[in-house]
Amino acid sequence: MEKRLFRSQARKMLGGICGGLGEYFEIDVTLIRLVFVALSLVTAIIPMVIFYLIAWIIIPIEEPKKAG
């Protein structure tokens, strides 16, 4: 099965972008969030906010898991 990037419904705090990236790359979501915050502080917050908003629009929502 092909690996696809989705916004996480289970591990989301705001839009699920960091949760989806953590699941896709099989990395702890907390590390993704810490890297995002660090990059935001280093590059000024506006570019990272713009990146997050664009990712929120482009990346589809995770499909609900079927029971059974």
PDB file of N, CA and C in Angstrom:
ATOM      1  N   MET A   1       0.826  -1.177   0.000  1.00  0.00           N
ATOM      2  CA  MET A   1       0.000   0.000   0.000  1.00  0.00           C
ATOM      3  C   MET A   1       0.878   1.251   0.000  1.00  0.00           C
ATOM      4  N   GLU A   2       0.490   2.217  -0.747  1.00  0.00           N
ATOM      5  CA  GLU A   2       1.220   3.468  -0.901  1.00  0.00           C
ATOM      6  C   GLU A   2       1.028   4.361   0.330  1.00  0.00           C
ATOM      7  N   LYS A   3       2.118   4.962   0.771  1.00  0.00           N
ATOM      8  CA  LYS A   3       2.087   5.871   1.915  1.00  0.00           C
ATOM      9  C   LYS A   3       1.597   7.241   1.451  1.00  0.00           C
ATOM     10  N   ARG A   4       0.634   7.841   2.177  1.00  0.00           N
ATOM     11  CA  ARG A   4       0.103   9.159   1.818  1.00  0.00           C
ATOM     12  C   ARG A   4       0.115  10.058   3.033  1.00  0.00           C
ATOM     13  N   LEU A   5       0.278  11.345   2.779  1.00  0.00           N
ATOM     14  CA  LEU A   5       0.290  12.347   3.844  1.00  0.00           C
ATOM     15  C   LEU A   5      -1.122  12.870   4.066  1.00  0.00           C
ATOM     16  N   PHE A   6      -1.581  12.796   5.310  1.00  0.00           N
ATOM     17  CA  PHE A   6      -2.895  13.309   5.698  1.00  0.00           C
ATOM     18  C   PHE A   6      -2.742  14.153   6.948  1.00  0.00           C
ATOM     19  N   ARG A   7      -3.699  15.048   7.181  1.00  0.00           N
ATOM     20  CA  ARG A   7      -3.776  15.756   8.458  1.00  0.00           C
ATOM     21  C   ARG A   7      -4.347  14.781   9.469  1.00  0.00           C
ATOM     22  N   SER A   8      -3.677  14.640  10.595  1.00  0.00           N
ATOM     23  CA  SER A   8      -4.088  13.672  11.609  1.00  0.00           C
ATOM     24  C   SER A   8      -5.322  14.148  12.355  1.00  0.00           C
ATOM     25  N   GLN A   9      -6.261  13.249  12.571  1.00  0.00           N
ATOM     26  CA  GLN A   9      -7.437  13.542  13.371  1.00  0.00           C
ATOM     27  C   GLN A   9      -7.189  13.154  14.831  1.00  0.00           C
ATOM     28  N   ALA A  10      -6.353  12.154  15.045  1.00  0.00           N
ATOM     29  CA  ALA A  10      -6.106  11.651  16.397  1.00  0.00           C
ATOM     30  C   ALA A  10      -5.051  12.466  17.138  1.00  0.00           C
ATOM     31  N   ARG A  11      -4.040  12.973  16.432  1.00  0.00           N
ATOM     32  CA  ARG A  11      -2.916  13.661  17.066  1.00  0.00           C
ATOM     33  C   ARG A  11      -2.880  15.146  16.744  1.00  0.00           C
ATOM     34  N   LYS A  12      -4.014  15.764  16.626  1.00  0.00           N
ATOM     35  CA  LYS A  12      -3.996  17.169  16.241  1.00  0.00           C
ATOM     36  C   LYS A  12      -4.147  18.084  17.446  1.00  0.00           C
ATOM     37  N   MET A  13      -3.518  19.249  17.356  1.00  0.00           N
ATOM     38  CA  MET A  13      -3.697  20.304  18.342  1.00  0.00           C
ATOM     39  C   MET A  13      -4.421  21.477  17.693  1.00  0.00           C
ATOM     40  N   LEU A  14      -4.039  21.784  16.474  1.00  0.00           N
ATOM     41  CA  LEU A  14      -4.675  22.881  15.753  1.00  0.00           C
ATOM     42  C   LEU A  14      -5.288  22.343  14.467  1.00  0.00           C
ATOM     43  N   GLY A  15      -4.467  22.081  13.477  1.00  0.00           N
ATOM     44  CA  GLY A  15      -4.986  21.600  12.210  1.00  0.00           C
ATOM     45  C   GLY A  15      -4.614  20.166  11.881  1.00  0.00           C
ATOM     46  N   GLY A  16      -3.731  19.573  12.660  1.00  0.00           N
ATOM     47  CA  GLY A  16      -3.319  18.198  12.419  1.00  0.00           C
ATOM     48  C   GLY A  16      -2.128  18.056  11.495  1.00  0.00           C
ATOM     49  N   ILE A  17      -1.503  19.173  11.115  1.00  0.00           N
ATOM     50  CA  ILE A  17      -0.359  19.134  10.192  1.00  0.00           C
ATOM     51  C   ILE A  17       0.827  18.421  10.832  1.00  0.00           C
ATOM     52  N   CYS A  18       1.243  18.840  12.017  1.00  0.00           N
ATOM     53  CA  CYS A  18       2.385  18.219  12.683  1.00  0.00           C
ATOM     54  C   CYS A  18       2.103  16.750  13.014  1.00  0.00           C
ATOM     55  N   GLY A  19       0.886  16.448  13.434  1.00  0.00           N
ATOM     56  CA  GLY A  19       0.513  15.061  13.706  1.00  0.00           C
ATOM     57  C   GLY A  19       0.597  14.203  12.455  1.00  0.00           C
ATOM     58  N   GLY A  20       0.130  14.734  11.339  1.00  0.00           N
ATOM     59  CA  GLY A  20       0.205  14.003  10.074  1.00  0.00           C
ATOM     60  C   GLY A  20       1.636  13.797   9.611  1.00  0.00           C
ATOM     61  N   LEU A  21       2.477  14.823   9.772  1.00  0.00           N
ATOM     62  CA  LEU A  21       3.889  14.682   9.402  1.00  0.00           C
ATOM     63  C   LEU A  21       4.584  13.655  10.289  1.00  0.00           C
ATOM     64  N   GLY A  22       4.250  13.654  11.579  1.00  0.00           N
ATOM     65  CA  GLY A  22       4.832  12.668  12.492  1.00  0.00           C
ATOM     66  C   GLY A  22       4.457  11.253  12.119  1.00  0.00           C
ATOM     67  N   GLU A  23       3.199  11.044  11.764  1.00  0.00           N
ATOM     68  CA  GLU A  23       2.752   9.714  11.348  1.00  0.00           C
ATOM     69  C   GLU A  23       3.392   9.306  10.021  1.00  0.00           C
ATOM     70  N   TYR A  24       3.505  10.243   9.087  1.00  0.00           N
ATOM     71  CA  TYR A  24       4.056   9.947   7.771  1.00  0.00           C
ATOM     72  C   TYR A  24       5.536   9.551   7.861  1.00  0.00           C
ATOM     73  N   PHE A  25       6.312  10.323   8.632  1.00  0.00           N
ATOM     74  CA  PHE A  25       7.744  10.058   8.759  1.00  0.00           C
ATOM     75  C   PHE A  25       8.080   9.134   9.924  1.00  0.00           C
ATOM     76  N   GLU A  26       7.042   8.668  10.655  1.00  0.00           N
ATOM     77  CA  GLU A  26       7.207   7.778  11.797  1.00  0.00           C
ATOM     78  C   GLU A  26       8.159   8.376  12.831  1.00  0.00           C
ATOM     79  N   ILE A  27       7.900   9.657  13.156  1.00  0.00           N
ATOM     80  CA  ILE A  27       8.673  10.410  14.141  1.00  0.00           C
ATOM     81  C   ILE A  27       7.697  10.871  15.219  1.00  0.00           C
ATOM     82  N   ASP A  28       8.191  10.997  16.441  1.00  0.00           N
ATOM     83  CA  ASP A  28       7.365  11.490  17.528  1.00  0.00           C
ATOM     84  C   ASP A  28       6.825  12.880  17.191  1.00  0.00           C
ATOM     85  N   VAL A  29       5.535  13.071  17.366  1.00  0.00           N
ATOM     86  CA  VAL A  29       4.872  14.324  17.011  1.00  0.00           C
ATOM     87  C   VAL A  29       5.434  15.493  17.820  1.00  0.00           C
ATOM     88  N   THR A  30       5.837  15.230  19.055  1.00  0.00           N
ATOM     89  CA  THR A  30       6.395  16.287  19.891  1.00  0.00           C
ATOM     90  C   THR A  30       7.657  16.858  19.267  1.00  0.00           C
ATOM     91  N   LEU A  31       8.489  16.000  18.681  1.00  0.00           N
ATOM     92  CA  LEU A  31       9.706  16.487  18.016  1.00  0.00           C
ATOM     93  C   LEU A  31       9.362  17.364  16.815  1.00  0.00           C
ATOM     94  N   ILE A  32       8.357  16.967  16.051  1.00  0.00           N
ATOM     95  CA  ILE A  32       7.926  17.771  14.901  1.00  0.00           C
ATOM     96  C   ILE A  32       7.470  19.144  15.381  1.00  0.00           C
ATOM     97  N   ARG A  33       6.693  19.172  16.447  1.00  0.00           N
ATOM     98  CA  ARG A  33       6.190  20.450  16.976  1.00  0.00           C
ATOM     99  C   ARG A  33       7.330  21.321  17.492  1.00  0.00           C
ATOM    100  N   LEU A  34       8.308  20.721  18.184  1.00  0.00           N
ATOM    101  CA  LEU A  34       9.447  21.484  18.682  1.00  0.00           C
ATOM    102  C   LEU A  34      10.276  22.068  17.544  1.00  0.00           C
ATOM    103  N   VAL A  35      10.493  21.295  16.498  1.00  0.00           N
ATOM    104  CA  VAL A  35      11.234  21.786  15.329  1.00  0.00           C
ATOM    105  C   VAL A  35      10.465  22.919  14.658  1.00  0.00           C
ATOM    106  N   PHE A  36       9.162  22.781  14.558  1.00  0.00           N
ATOM    107  CA  PHE A  36       8.333  23.826  13.953  1.00  0.00           C
ATOM    108  C   PHE A  36       8.439  25.130  14.746  1.00  0.00           C
ATOM    109  N   VAL A  37       8.342  25.038  16.060  1.00  0.00           N
ATOM    110  CA  VAL A  37       8.444  26.235  16.910  1.00  0.00           C
ATOM    111  C   VAL A  37       9.836  26.848  16.798  1.00  0.00           C
ATOM    112  N   ALA A  38      10.877  26.023  16.824  1.00  0.00           N
ATOM    113  CA  ALA A  38      12.243  26.531  16.709  1.00  0.00           C
ATOM    114  C   ALA A  38      12.450  27.245  15.371  1.00  0.00           C
ATOM    115  N   LEU A  39      11.984  26.630  14.287  1.00  0.00           N
ATOM    116  CA  LEU A  39      12.105  27.281  12.973  1.00  0.00           C
ATOM    117  C   LEU A  39      11.303  28.570  12.912  1.00  0.00           C
ATOM    118  N   SER A  40      10.169  28.590  13.570  1.00  0.00           N
ATOM    119  CA  SER A  40       9.356  29.804  13.604  1.00  0.00           C
ATOM    120  C   SER A  40      10.100  30.938  14.297  1.00  0.00           C
ATOM    121  N   LEU A  41      10.763  30.630  15.392  1.00  0.00           N
ATOM    122  CA  LEU A  41      11.496  31.659  16.132  1.00  0.00           C
ATOM    123  C   LEU A  41      12.736  32.130  15.386  1.00  0.00           C
ATOM    124  N   VAL A  42      13.399  31.227  14.670  1.00  0.00           N
ATOM    125  CA  VAL A  42      14.618  31.581  13.947  1.00  0.00           C
ATOM    126  C   VAL A  42      14.310  32.376  12.672  1.00  0.00           C
ATOM    127  N   THR A  43      13.260  32.007  11.965  1.00  0.00           N
ATOM    128  CA  THR A  43      12.972  32.621  10.662  1.00  0.00           C
ATOM    129  C   THR A  43      11.938  33.738  10.743  1.00  0.00           C
ATOM    130  N   ALA A  44      11.555  34.103  11.906  1.00  0.00           N
ATOM    131  CA  ALA A  44      10.445  35.036  12.132  1.00  0.00           C
ATOM    132  C   ALA A  44       9.167  34.209  12.001  1.00  0.00           C
ATOM    133  N   ILE A  45       8.190  34.550  12.709  1.00  0.00           N
ATOM    134  CA  ILE A  45       6.997  33.707  12.824  1.00  0.00           C
ATOM    135  C   ILE A  45       6.142  33.724  11.566  1.00  0.00           C
ATOM    136  N   ILE A  46       6.092  34.831  10.852  1.00  0.00           N
ATOM    137  CA  ILE A  46       5.196  34.977   9.699  1.00  0.00           C
ATOM    138  C   ILE A  46       5.406  33.912   8.617  1.00  0.00           C
ATOM    139  N   PRO A  47       6.635  33.614   8.170  1.00  0.00           N
ATOM    140  CA  PRO A  47       6.783  32.581   7.123  1.00  0.00           C
ATOM    141  C   PRO A  47       6.270  31.209   7.544  1.00  0.00           C
ATOM    142  N   MET A  48       6.476  30.838   8.796  1.00  0.00           N
ATOM    143  CA  MET A  48       6.014  29.524   9.252  1.00  0.00           C
ATOM    144  C   MET A  48       4.494  29.493   9.394  1.00  0.00           C
ATOM    145  N   VAL A  49       3.896  30.605   9.790  1.00  0.00           N
ATOM    146  CA  VAL A  49       2.438  30.669   9.863  1.00  0.00           C
ATOM    147  C   VAL A  49       1.848  30.540   8.464  1.00  0.00           C
ATOM    148  N   ILE A  50       2.456  31.199   7.498  1.00  0.00           N
ATOM    149  CA  ILE A  50       1.997  31.101   6.105  1.00  0.00           C
ATOM    150  C   ILE A  50       2.138  29.662   5.612  1.00  0.00           C
ATOM    151  N   PHE A  51       3.293  29.018   5.907  1.00  0.00           N
ATOM    152  CA  PHE A  51       3.499  27.618   5.528  1.00  0.00           C
ATOM    153  C   PHE A  51       2.418  26.727   6.144  1.00  0.00           C
ATOM    154  N   TYR A  52       2.128  26.929   7.441  1.00  0.00           N
ATOM    155  CA  TYR A  52       1.149  26.100   8.131  1.00  0.00           C
ATOM    156  C   TYR A  52      -0.237  26.276   7.525  1.00  0.00           C
ATOM    157  N   LEU A  53      -0.615  27.510   7.238  1.00  0.00           N
ATOM    158  CA  LEU A  53      -1.930  27.769   6.649  1.00  0.00           C
ATOM    159  C   LEU A  53      -2.065  27.138   5.265  1.00  0.00           C
ATOM    160  N   ILE A  54      -1.007  27.245   4.455  1.00  0.00           N
ATOM    161  CA  ILE A  54      -1.030  26.633   3.122  1.00  0.00           C
ATOM    162  C   ILE A  54      -1.120  25.108   3.248  1.00  0.00           C
ATOM    163  N   ALA A  55      -0.341  24.518   4.169  1.00  0.00           N
ATOM    164  CA  ALA A  55      -0.389  23.067   4.376  1.00  0.00           C
ATOM    165  C   ALA A  55      -1.774  22.643   4.860  1.00  0.00           C
ATOM    166  N   TRP A  56      -2.395  23.453   5.717  1.00  0.00           N
ATOM    167  CA  TRP A  56      -3.731  23.158   6.245  1.00  0.00           C
ATOM    168  C   TRP A  56      -4.755  23.100   5.112  1.00  0.00           C
ATOM    169  N   ILE A  57      -4.577  23.955   4.122  1.00  0.00           N
ATOM    170  CA  ILE A  57      -5.492  23.996   2.981  1.00  0.00           C
ATOM    171  C   ILE A  57      -5.226  22.834   2.012  1.00  0.00           C
ATOM    172  N   ILE A  58      -3.960  22.531   1.760  1.00  0.00           N
ATOM    173  CA  ILE A  58      -3.589  21.566   0.722  1.00  0.00           C
ATOM    174  C   ILE A  58      -3.679  20.109   1.176  1.00  0.00           C
ATOM    175  N   ILE A  59      -3.224  19.799   2.387  1.00  0.00           N
ATOM    176  CA  ILE A  59      -3.167  18.414   2.852  1.00  0.00           C
ATOM    177  C   ILE A  59      -4.569  17.945   3.246  1.00  0.00           C
ATOM    178  N   PRO A  60      -5.027  16.822   2.685  1.00  0.00           N
ATOM    179  CA  PRO A  60      -6.382  16.335   2.996  1.00  0.00           C
ATOM    180  C   PRO A  60      -6.478  15.776   4.416  1.00  0.00           C
ATOM    181  N   ILE A  61      -7.694  15.731   4.931  1.00  0.00           N
ATOM    182  CA  ILE A  61      -7.962  15.187   6.261  1.00  0.00           C
ATOM    183  C   ILE A  61      -7.880  13.666   6.203  1.00  0.00           C
ATOM    184  N   GLU A  62      -7.356  13.073   7.261  1.00  0.00           N
ATOM    185  CA  GLU A  62      -7.263  11.621   7.380  1.00  0.00           C
ATOM    186  C   GLU A  62      -8.659  11.009   7.321  1.00  0.00           C
ATOM    187  N   GLU A  63      -8.803   9.953   6.551  1.00  0.00           N
ATOM    188  CA  GLU A  63     -10.079   9.265   6.451  1.00  0.00           C
ATOM    189  C   GLU A  63     -10.313   8.455   7.723  1.00  0.00           C
ATOM    190  N   PRO A  64     -11.559   8.456   8.220  1.00  0.00           N
ATOM    191  CA  PRO A  64     -11.841   7.685   9.441  1.00  0.00           C
ATOM    192  C   PRO A  64     -11.594   6.201   9.208  1.00  0.00           C
ATOM    193  N   LYS A  65     -11.075   5.540  10.242  1.00  0.00           N
ATOM    194  CA  LYS A  65     -10.800   4.105  10.161  1.00  0.00           C
ATOM    195  C   LYS A  65     -12.119   3.344  10.227  1.00  0.00           C
ATOM    196  N   LYS A  66     -12.230   2.337   9.369  1.00  0.00           N
ATOM    197  CA  LYS A  66     -13.452   1.501   9.357  1.00  0.00           C
ATOM    198  C   LYS A  66     -13.349   0.446  10.444  1.00  0.00           C
ATOM    199  N   ALA A  67     -14.404   0.276  11.188  1.00  0.00           N
ATOM    200  CA  ALA A  67     -14.437  -0.736  12.251  1.00  0.00           C
ATOM    201  C   ALA A  67     -14.675  -2.108  11.640  1.00  0.00           C
ATOM    202  N   GLY A  68     -13.934  -3.077  12.133  1.00  0.00           N
ATOM    203  CA  GLY A  68     -14.165  -4.454  11.718  1.00  0.00           C
ATOM    204  C   GLY A  68     -13.408  -4.831  10.573  1.00  0.00           C
TER     205      GLY A  68
END
